[in-house]
Protein backbone atom coordinates (compact mmCIF):
# COMPACT_ATOMS: atom_id res chain seq x y z
CA MET A 1 116.42 123.13 78.02
CA THR A 2 112.87 122.98 78.77
CA THR A 3 110.30 125.93 76.74
CA ILE A 4 107.58 127.02 78.03
CA ALA A 5 105.28 125.17 75.07
CA ASP A 6 106.91 121.86 76.67
CA SER A 7 106.26 123.00 80.18
CA LEU A 8 102.46 123.59 79.03
CA ALA A 9 102.13 120.41 76.91
CA ASN A 10 103.60 118.35 79.82
CA THR A 11 100.66 120.16 82.46
CA ILE A 12 98.16 119.25 79.93
CA GLU A 13 99.53 115.86 79.64
CA ARG A 14 99.43 115.14 83.22
CA GLN A 15 96.00 116.18 83.50
CA ILE A 16 94.93 113.74 80.67
CA ALA A 17 96.89 111.12 82.80
CA SER A 18 94.93 111.80 86.19
CA GLY A 19 91.79 112.18 84.42
CA ALA A 20 91.18 115.80 84.86
CA TYR A 21 90.63 115.84 80.78
CA LYS A 22 89.01 112.40 79.98
CA ALA A 23 88.48 110.43 76.47
CA GLY A 24 86.82 113.24 74.05
CA ASP A 25 87.07 116.11 76.54
CA LYS A 26 87.78 119.37 74.03
CA LEU A 27 90.64 121.24 75.42
CA PRO A 28 90.37 125.33 75.96
CA SER A 29 90.84 127.10 73.15
CA LEU A 30 94.09 128.42 72.18
CA ARG A 31 92.52 131.85 72.89
CA GLU A 32 91.33 130.93 76.30
CA LEU A 33 94.89 128.97 77.04
CA ALA A 34 96.83 132.22 75.72
CA GLN A 35 94.35 134.35 78.16
CA LEU A 36 94.87 132.32 81.17
CA HIS A 37 98.60 132.27 81.19
CA GLY A 38 99.70 135.25 79.46
CA TYR A 39 101.43 133.20 76.55
CA ALA A 40 101.87 134.41 73.09
CA LYS A 41 99.20 132.55 70.82
CA ASN A 42 101.95 131.02 69.18
CA THR A 43 103.26 129.40 72.14
CA VAL A 44 99.68 127.74 72.71
CA VAL A 45 99.71 126.32 69.25
CA ALA A 46 103.08 124.63 69.70
CA ALA A 47 101.99 123.20 72.91
CA PHE A 48 99.06 121.63 71.38
CA GLU A 49 101.79 120.28 68.17
CA LEU A 50 103.35 118.21 70.82
CA LEU A 51 100.20 116.97 72.37
CA VAL A 52 99.33 115.87 68.72
CA SER A 53 102.53 114.42 68.35
CA ARG A 54 102.65 112.37 71.55
CA GLY A 55 99.32 110.68 70.39
CA LEU A 56 97.36 112.48 73.31
CA VAL A 57 95.03 114.77 71.47
CA GLU A 58 93.62 115.43 68.07
CA PRO A 59 92.86 118.51 66.12
CA ARG A 60 89.41 118.43 64.71
CA ARG A 61 88.76 121.09 61.68
CA GLY A 62 86.75 123.99 62.66
CA SER A 63 86.01 122.54 66.20
CA GLY A 64 89.35 122.56 68.24
CA TYR A 65 91.72 120.14 70.17
CA PHE A 66 90.35 116.95 71.61
CA VAL A 67 91.54 114.05 74.04
CA ARG A 68 92.15 110.79 71.91
CA PRO A 69 90.60 107.41 73.54
CA PRO A 70 93.52 105.55 75.56
CA GLN A 71 93.75 102.92 73.45
CA GLN A 72 94.92 105.34 70.51
CA GLN A 73 97.07 106.77 72.80
CA GLN A 74 99.06 103.82 74.04
CA ALA A 75 99.39 102.97 70.51
CA ALA A 76 100.85 106.65 69.55
CA LYS A 77 103.00 107.05 72.66
CA PRO A 78 106.77 107.12 71.81
CA PRO A 79 108.83 103.92 73.81
CA GLU A 80 110.35 106.21 76.17
CA ASP A 81 106.92 107.29 77.53
CA ASP A 82 104.82 105.06 80.17
CA ALA A 83 103.61 102.51 77.41
CA GLY A 84 107.00 101.01 77.71
CA SER A 85 108.27 102.62 81.23
CA LEU A 86 109.98 99.29 81.75
CA GLY A 87 113.09 100.78 80.57
CA ARG A 88 112.81 103.08 83.55
CA ALA A 89 113.01 100.08 86.25
CA MET A 90 116.28 101.66 87.73
CA ASP A 91 113.57 104.03 89.02
CA ILE A 92 112.44 102.86 92.48
CA VAL A 93 108.98 104.44 91.99
CA TRP A 94 108.62 102.87 88.75
CA LEU A 95 106.96 99.71 90.21
CA MET A 96 105.13 101.68 92.51
CA ARG A 97 103.72 103.71 89.36
CA GLU A 98 102.83 100.47 88.05
CA GLN A 99 101.05 99.05 91.14
CA LEU A 100 98.88 102.07 91.34
CA LYS A 101 97.65 101.79 87.65
CA THR A 102 94.41 100.01 86.99
CA GLN A 103 94.66 98.01 83.92
CA PRO A 104 91.97 95.51 83.61
CA ASP A 105 93.28 93.78 80.38
CA ALA A 106 96.98 93.22 81.78
CA ILE A 107 98.10 90.36 83.77
CA ALA A 108 100.59 92.07 86.84
CA VAL A 109 102.29 88.51 87.79
CA GLY A 110 104.78 91.50 89.68
CA ASP A 111 102.02 92.62 91.72
CA GLY A 112 102.75 93.12 95.37
CA PHE A 113 99.12 92.48 96.20
CA PRO A 114 96.78 89.49 96.54
CA PRO A 115 93.79 88.95 93.65
CA ILE A 116 90.92 91.41 94.37
CA ALA A 117 88.84 88.49 94.34
CA TRP A 118 90.47 86.79 97.29
CA LEU A 119 89.75 90.03 99.33
CA ALA A 120 85.93 90.92 98.07
CA ASP A 121 84.29 89.00 100.65
CA VAL A 122 85.12 91.68 103.11
CA ARG A 123 82.13 94.10 102.37
CA LEU A 124 83.81 97.22 103.34
CA ASP A 125 80.02 98.74 102.63
CA LYS A 126 78.17 96.85 104.95
CA TYR A 127 80.29 98.27 107.90
CA HIS A 128 79.61 102.04 107.63
CA PRO A 129 76.81 101.80 109.46
CA LYS A 130 78.40 99.92 112.61
CA VAL A 131 81.65 102.41 112.35
CA VAL A 132 79.16 105.41 112.62
CA ARG A 133 77.44 103.96 115.74
CA THR A 134 80.85 103.35 117.40
CA GLY A 135 81.04 106.97 118.12
CA LEU A 136 79.60 110.03 115.36
CA GLY A 137 80.81 112.88 117.00
CA ALA A 138 84.40 111.80 117.26
CA LEU A 139 84.64 111.01 113.43
CA PHE A 140 84.64 114.93 113.18
CA ARG A 141 87.74 115.52 115.04
CA TYR A 142 91.44 114.33 114.54
CA GLY A 143 91.53 111.44 117.57
CA SER A 144 94.39 110.65 119.32
CA ARG A 145 98.22 110.65 118.31
CA PHE A 146 98.41 107.08 119.20
CA GLY A 147 95.36 105.69 117.16
CA TYR A 148 91.68 104.50 117.95
CA ALA A 149 92.49 102.87 121.57
CA PRO A 150 89.75 99.75 121.07
CA LEU A 151 91.68 98.46 117.84
CA ARG A 152 95.16 99.13 119.93
CA ASP A 153 93.50 96.90 122.48
CA HIS A 154 92.62 94.27 119.60
CA LEU A 155 95.97 94.79 118.25
CA VAL A 156 97.38 93.56 121.74
CA ARG A 157 95.37 90.42 121.76
CA LYS A 158 96.23 89.74 117.84
CA LEU A 159 100.34 90.21 118.97
CA ALA A 160 99.82 87.95 121.48
CA ASP A 161 98.83 85.29 119.13
CA PHE A 162 102.30 85.82 117.56
CA GLY A 163 103.68 85.13 120.96
CA ILE A 164 104.43 89.37 121.16
CA GLY A 165 103.77 90.48 124.33
CA ALA A 166 102.81 94.38 124.43
CA GLU A 167 100.35 96.90 126.22
CA PRO A 168 97.85 99.22 124.23
CA ARG A 169 100.66 102.25 125.17
CA GLN A 170 103.29 100.35 123.13
CA ILE A 171 101.28 100.38 119.68
CA VAL A 172 101.27 103.52 117.68
CA LEU A 173 98.36 103.44 114.80
CA THR A 174 99.51 104.47 111.30
CA HIS A 175 98.47 105.19 107.76
CA GLY A 176 99.51 101.52 106.71
CA ALA A 177 103.18 100.03 107.01
CA ASN A 178 104.91 102.29 104.74
CA GLU A 179 103.96 105.40 107.09
CA ALA A 180 104.99 103.38 109.68
CA MET A 181 108.49 103.02 108.21
CA ASP A 182 108.63 106.27 107.25
CA ILE A 183 108.03 107.64 110.92
CA VAL A 184 111.12 105.18 112.09
CA VAL A 185 113.10 106.55 109.41
CA ARG A 186 113.01 109.88 110.60
CA TYR A 187 113.45 109.29 114.14
CA PHE A 188 116.42 107.15 113.88
CA VAL A 189 118.41 108.00 110.37
CA PRO A 190 120.19 111.12 110.17
CA PRO A 191 121.82 112.07 107.17
CA GLY A 192 124.92 110.06 106.44
CA GLY A 193 123.51 107.28 109.01
CA LYS A 194 124.24 103.55 108.01
CA VAL A 195 121.37 101.48 107.74
CA LEU A 196 121.08 97.51 107.18
CA VAL A 197 118.55 96.35 104.69
CA ASP A 198 117.50 92.96 103.19
CA ASP A 199 119.01 92.28 99.76
CA PRO A 200 116.80 91.65 97.83
CA GLY A 201 114.45 93.65 99.55
CA TYR A 202 111.59 96.04 99.85
CA TYR A 203 112.24 98.74 97.17
CA PRO A 204 109.63 101.44 98.74
CA LEU A 205 112.27 101.22 101.96
CA PHE A 206 115.17 101.87 99.83
CA GLY A 207 113.68 105.08 98.49
CA LYS A 208 112.68 106.36 101.90
CA LEU A 209 116.06 105.68 103.11
CA LYS A 210 117.91 107.32 100.16
CA LEU A 211 115.16 110.21 100.52
CA ALA A 212 116.59 110.67 103.99
CA GLY A 213 120.42 110.55 102.67
CA ALA A 214 121.49 107.33 104.47
CA GLN A 215 123.87 104.70 103.24
CA VAL A 216 121.91 101.86 102.59
CA LEU A 217 123.79 98.76 103.33
CA GLY A 218 122.12 95.48 101.79
CA VAL A 219 122.38 92.03 103.83
CA PRO A 220 122.10 89.37 101.51
CA ARG A 221 119.17 87.33 101.93
CA LEU A 222 119.26 83.48 101.87
CA ALA A 223 116.61 81.15 101.71
CA ASP A 224 116.30 80.49 105.56
CA GLY A 225 116.50 84.51 106.32
CA PRO A 226 119.77 86.80 106.43
CA ASP A 227 123.32 85.79 105.41
CA LEU A 228 124.71 85.57 109.03
CA GLU A 229 128.44 85.94 108.06
CA ALA A 230 127.61 88.73 105.58
CA LEU A 231 125.60 90.42 108.58
CA GLU A 232 128.25 90.17 111.02
CA ARG A 233 130.64 91.58 108.74
CA LEU A 234 128.64 94.85 108.33
CA LEU A 235 127.91 95.17 111.94
CA VAL A 236 131.72 94.83 113.00
CA ALA A 237 132.89 96.93 109.96
CA GLU A 238 130.19 99.70 109.42
CA ARG A 239 128.48 99.94 113.13
CA PRO A 240 125.09 100.38 111.68
CA ARG A 241 122.03 101.49 114.02
CA LEU A 242 119.16 99.70 112.12
CA PHE A 243 118.91 96.79 110.64
CA PHE A 244 115.16 96.57 108.46
CA THR A 245 114.40 93.28 107.84
CA GLN A 246 111.16 90.76 107.16
CA SER A 247 111.45 87.79 108.65
CA ILE A 248 108.05 85.70 107.27
CA ALA A 249 106.67 85.96 103.79
CA HIS A 250 109.83 88.18 102.92
CA ASN A 251 109.23 90.24 99.94
CA PRO A 252 110.32 89.28 97.41
CA THR A 253 111.82 86.07 98.08
CA GLY A 254 108.72 84.55 100.11
CA SER A 255 111.29 82.86 102.11
CA ASP A 256 110.67 82.73 105.92
CA ILE A 257 113.37 83.10 108.89
CA SER A 258 114.37 79.62 110.38
CA PRO A 259 114.40 79.75 114.12
CA ALA A 260 117.90 78.99 114.61
CA LYS A 261 119.17 81.82 112.48
CA ALA A 262 116.30 84.12 114.12
CA PHE A 263 118.19 83.13 117.27
CA ARG A 264 121.44 83.96 116.12
CA VAL A 265 120.48 87.32 114.70
CA LEU A 266 119.35 88.51 118.15
CA GLN A 267 122.31 87.38 119.63
CA LEU A 268 124.32 89.59 117.33
CA ALA A 269 121.93 92.65 117.68
CA GLN A 270 122.55 92.36 121.36
CA LYS A 271 126.41 92.15 120.98
CA HIS A 272 126.52 94.94 118.50
CA ASP A 273 123.83 97.31 119.65
CA LEU A 274 121.75 96.91 116.86
CA LEU A 275 118.11 97.69 116.53
CA ILE A 276 116.19 95.57 114.01
CA VAL A 277 112.85 97.05 112.50
CA GLU A 278 110.91 94.10 111.65
CA ASN A 279 108.57 94.35 108.84
CA ASP A 280 105.56 91.70 108.69
CA PRO A 281 102.81 93.20 106.24
CA LEU A 282 101.56 89.72 105.48
CA ALA A 283 101.15 88.13 108.88
CA ASP A 284 97.51 86.81 108.42
CA PHE A 285 98.87 84.87 105.22
CA LYS A 286 100.84 82.92 107.30
CA PRO A 287 100.51 80.22 110.44
CA THR A 288 101.11 82.43 113.56
CA SER A 289 103.20 79.69 115.20
CA LEU A 290 106.62 80.98 112.50
CA PRO A 291 109.52 82.51 114.45
CA ARG A 292 109.11 86.68 114.86
CA LEU A 293 112.23 88.36 116.14
CA ALA A 294 110.02 90.61 117.77
CA ALA A 295 108.33 87.39 119.74
CA LEU A 296 112.11 85.93 120.37
CA ASP A 297 112.90 89.57 121.69
CA GLN A 298 109.95 90.85 123.63
CA LEU A 299 110.31 94.14 121.73
CA GLU A 300 113.77 94.72 123.33
CA ARG A 301 115.57 95.33 120.55
CA THR A 302 112.77 95.19 118.17
CA ILE A 303 110.29 97.10 116.34
CA TYR A 304 107.59 95.58 114.85
CA ILE A 305 105.64 96.65 112.14
CA GLY A 306 102.25 95.42 110.87
CA SER A 307 99.35 96.37 108.17
CA PHE A 308 96.10 95.42 107.15
CA SER A 309 96.64 96.56 103.41
CA LYS A 310 97.00 93.29 102.45
CA SER A 311 94.36 91.09 104.07
CA PHE A 312 91.81 93.69 104.08
CA SER A 313 92.24 96.75 101.78
CA ALA A 314 94.77 98.78 100.85
CA ALA A 315 92.45 101.52 100.64
CA LEU A 316 91.97 101.62 104.60
CA ARG A 317 95.61 102.23 105.06
CA VAL A 318 95.65 101.03 108.55
CA GLY A 319 99.16 100.14 109.77
CA PHE A 320 101.09 99.77 113.48
CA ILE A 321 104.12 100.14 114.95
CA ALA A 322 104.76 98.03 118.36
CA CYS A 323 107.69 98.85 120.39
CA GLY A 324 108.95 100.34 123.83
CA ALA A 325 106.39 102.28 125.75
CA ASP A 326 108.71 105.05 125.72
CA LEU A 327 109.69 105.20 122.18
CA ALA A 328 106.05 104.42 121.10
CA SER A 329 105.17 107.83 122.82
CA ASP A 330 108.20 109.53 121.03
CA LEU A 331 106.92 107.95 117.59
CA ALA A 332 103.27 109.28 118.22
CA ASP A 333 104.48 112.71 118.57
CA LEU A 334 106.52 112.75 115.60
CA LYS A 335 103.41 111.57 113.91
CA ALA A 336 101.35 114.11 115.27
CA LEU A 337 103.85 116.37 114.16
CA ILE A 338 103.60 115.21 110.67
CA HIS A 339 100.15 114.14 110.17
CA VAL A 340 98.66 115.06 113.18
CA SER A 341 96.85 112.11 113.47
CA SER A 342 95.86 108.82 111.87
CA SER A 343 92.58 107.96 110.30
CA GLU A 344 89.98 106.98 112.98
CA TYR A 345 87.61 106.25 110.41
CA CYS A 346 89.73 103.59 108.89
CA GLU A 347 90.70 102.53 112.57
CA ARG A 348 86.97 102.25 113.64
CA THR A 349 86.50 99.90 110.38
CA VAL A 350 89.15 98.03 110.77
CA ASP A 351 88.02 97.62 114.50
CA VAL A 352 84.94 96.66 113.31
CA ILE A 353 85.93 93.75 111.15
CA LEU A 354 88.24 92.70 113.93
CA SER A 355 85.31 91.92 116.41
CA GLU A 356 82.97 89.81 113.99
CA GLY A 357 83.72 86.34 113.68
CA HIS A 358 83.78 86.68 110.08
CA TYR A 359 87.31 87.97 110.14
CA GLN A 360 88.89 84.53 111.14
CA ARG A 361 86.70 82.77 108.44
CA HIS A 362 88.15 85.41 106.09
CA LEU A 363 91.73 84.36 107.24
CA ASN A 364 91.12 80.79 106.81
CA ARG A 365 90.08 81.34 103.30
CA LEU A 366 92.96 83.61 102.34
CA GLN A 367 95.63 80.91 103.97
CA THR A 368 93.80 78.21 101.84
CA ARG A 369 93.80 80.05 98.69
CA LEU A 370 97.31 81.03 99.00
CA GLY A 371 98.57 77.71 99.83
CA GLU A 372 96.95 76.06 96.65
CA ALA A 373 98.08 79.19 94.64
CA THR A 374 101.73 78.77 96.03
CA ARG A 375 101.42 74.90 95.08
CA ASN A 376 100.39 75.50 91.36
CA ALA A 377 102.67 78.48 90.68
CA ILE A 378 105.72 75.98 92.14
CA ARG A 379 104.27 73.22 89.50
CA LEU A 380 104.42 75.92 86.71
CA PHE A 381 108.17 76.50 87.58
CA GLU A 382 109.01 73.34 87.40
CA SER A 383 107.25 72.38 84.65
CA VAL A 384 109.56 75.30 82.62
CA ASP A 385 112.96 74.23 84.52
CA ALA A 386 112.45 77.57 86.65
CA GLU A 387 114.91 78.01 89.76
CA VAL A 388 112.48 78.58 92.70
CA PHE A 389 114.68 80.54 95.43
CA ALA A 390 112.33 79.28 98.53
CA ARG A 391 109.59 76.49 98.93
CA THR A 392 107.07 77.40 101.28
CA PRO A 393 103.95 75.95 101.69
CA GLN A 394 102.18 79.24 101.54
CA SER A 395 103.60 82.41 100.04
CA LEU A 396 101.99 85.65 97.97
CA TYR A 397 105.68 85.79 96.41
CA VAL A 398 107.71 83.35 94.66
CA TRP A 399 111.27 84.45 93.68
CA ALA A 400 112.45 82.38 90.41
CA ALA A 401 114.63 82.55 87.43
CA LEU A 402 113.78 81.50 84.38
CA PRO A 403 115.77 79.10 82.18
CA GLY A 404 117.67 80.62 79.62
CA VAL A 405 117.01 83.96 81.18
CA ALA A 406 120.06 85.95 82.14
CA ASP A 407 118.77 89.21 82.44
CA SER A 408 114.81 89.24 83.82
CA LEU A 409 114.49 93.08 82.83
CA ALA A 410 115.07 91.94 79.45
CA PHE A 411 112.85 89.45 79.44
CA ALA A 412 109.97 91.37 81.24
CA LYS A 413 110.45 93.76 78.01
CA GLU A 414 109.46 91.05 75.80
CA LEU A 415 106.42 89.82 77.59
CA LEU A 416 105.08 93.54 77.78
CA PRO A 417 103.17 93.51 74.44
CA ARG A 418 101.46 90.21 75.51
CA LYS A 419 100.08 92.47 78.72
CA ILE A 420 102.29 90.70 81.30
CA VAL A 421 103.84 93.05 83.60
CA MET A 422 106.74 91.42 85.33
CA ALA A 423 109.05 92.46 88.57
CA PRO A 424 112.45 92.03 87.36
CA GLY A 425 114.75 91.08 90.16
CA ARG A 426 117.34 94.01 90.14
CA ILE A 427 114.41 96.45 91.07
CA PHE A 428 114.67 94.96 94.83
CA SER A 429 118.25 95.22 94.67
CA VAL A 430 120.50 97.47 96.61
CA ASP A 431 122.28 98.24 93.53
CA SER A 432 119.88 98.38 91.07
CA THR A 433 122.38 98.59 88.30
CA GLN A 434 123.10 94.70 88.71
CA VAL A 435 121.75 92.64 85.95
CA SER A 436 119.51 90.11 87.89
CA ARG A 437 118.25 86.57 86.33
CA TRP A 438 115.69 86.52 88.91
CA SER A 439 112.32 87.82 89.17
CA ARG A 440 109.13 88.35 91.98
CA PHE A 441 106.23 86.46 90.89
CA ASN A 442 102.51 86.95 92.56
CA VAL A 443 101.23 83.69 92.95
CA GLY A 444 97.49 84.72 93.09
CA ALA A 445 97.87 86.63 89.69
CA MET A 446 99.98 83.52 88.10
CA ALA A 447 96.65 81.91 88.41
CA ASP A 448 95.65 83.30 85.11
CA PRO A 449 96.11 80.79 82.26
CA ARG A 450 97.13 83.21 79.67
CA PHE A 451 100.38 84.02 81.95
CA ALA A 452 101.45 80.24 81.50
CA LYS A 453 100.93 80.48 77.83
CA ALA A 454 102.64 83.31 77.19
CA LEU A 455 105.63 82.35 79.35
CA ARG A 456 105.89 79.24 77.23
CA VAL A 457 105.89 81.07 74.06
CA ALA A 458 108.71 83.58 75.16
CA LEU A 459 110.93 81.18 76.97
CA ARG A 460 110.56 78.72 73.54
CA ARG A 461 111.34 82.23 71.55
CA GLN A 462 114.18 82.54 74.13
CA ALA A 463 115.80 79.18 73.69
CA GLY A 464 115.48 79.57 69.90
């Protein structure tokens, strides 16, 4: 049972973690907290003692209690706290918390985003004056439920480069691809509804579906796309309504669907009345000529989701849904009900970026860097006899099994003291209790020479 002292200590701990109290700050006095909350003084004393035992604060005789520096907190935290939080990897939000942390000295080889250096040439600060000039008065209002119209016009042209024909009325702008998926889930998935996903696949999606009360059914992912035999068995036996998949630059395997398999997936969708939600957040990192289900289907049985988070900035939070016009109107209504509107300021910023010639040069640099990083990552894995799931010319992610490593979660724990943060395979599995020898690696983060050194040392220790 949680005591009042536990609750107070937990509250102050969250305030320290969020930065409300910083290193060296003095906490309110025992008397102040007791009066503020109506607690007995002994209760506040007990809460402070809990914070001291957790290594978060220190008493100074005659002065009070003060927040300890972060490095001292790290050393003093018990194993079950966030410092050793890899043990919580079965929790879907664990990796999300890790990606949102700022740890300048850590090598996040399991990170989901490209290195900041790859995006730094998109100087967001220089775009503000141009954004304001596009319509200062409108920036103080909510904007259209569909999103900023000029950006939707731009997206029509961008989708055409992928072979997807769409009109502005078929596009709904969102707060990134994650909100787009959330809106689709809310619209289509009732409690108990059966939904297909890639397995391994995008773990935040699993969390959204479980939150909606859905039955999540995994379709095994192969190096050239979904396992067609497994997909057809599930369609016959379970009769699901939706299939969420990533055709290109699949997360976490980095694989691309083959043209033949893409065609067959759409045949099965037609036969079994299946709606496909195709998530394509890394479209800017790959050639436009690669096969996409939405291009083959022309948004008849597909809903296409895109984003600018990976290629511009995650802070902009601009994504979109492309689908049939009637469905787009319904989804825009649902978006308005949930969030009123998306961010027109961010949408105008993306529109200004797309309007400049610098945008295409930026994408060319991104793809060149990605290709080089992918080749180097595969060379490193070959040098240690690792198994690589899919070898594509350019992929932000490489799905690999290291030699002699039967449980990638256990191996990841060994690397944590060396400030190497991995993404163990079971996080990406529909059944996260299953032991996995696979891990997702970010090719940009792998470029840090400290990773290769730490990996070789850990593998030698594993073998010996």
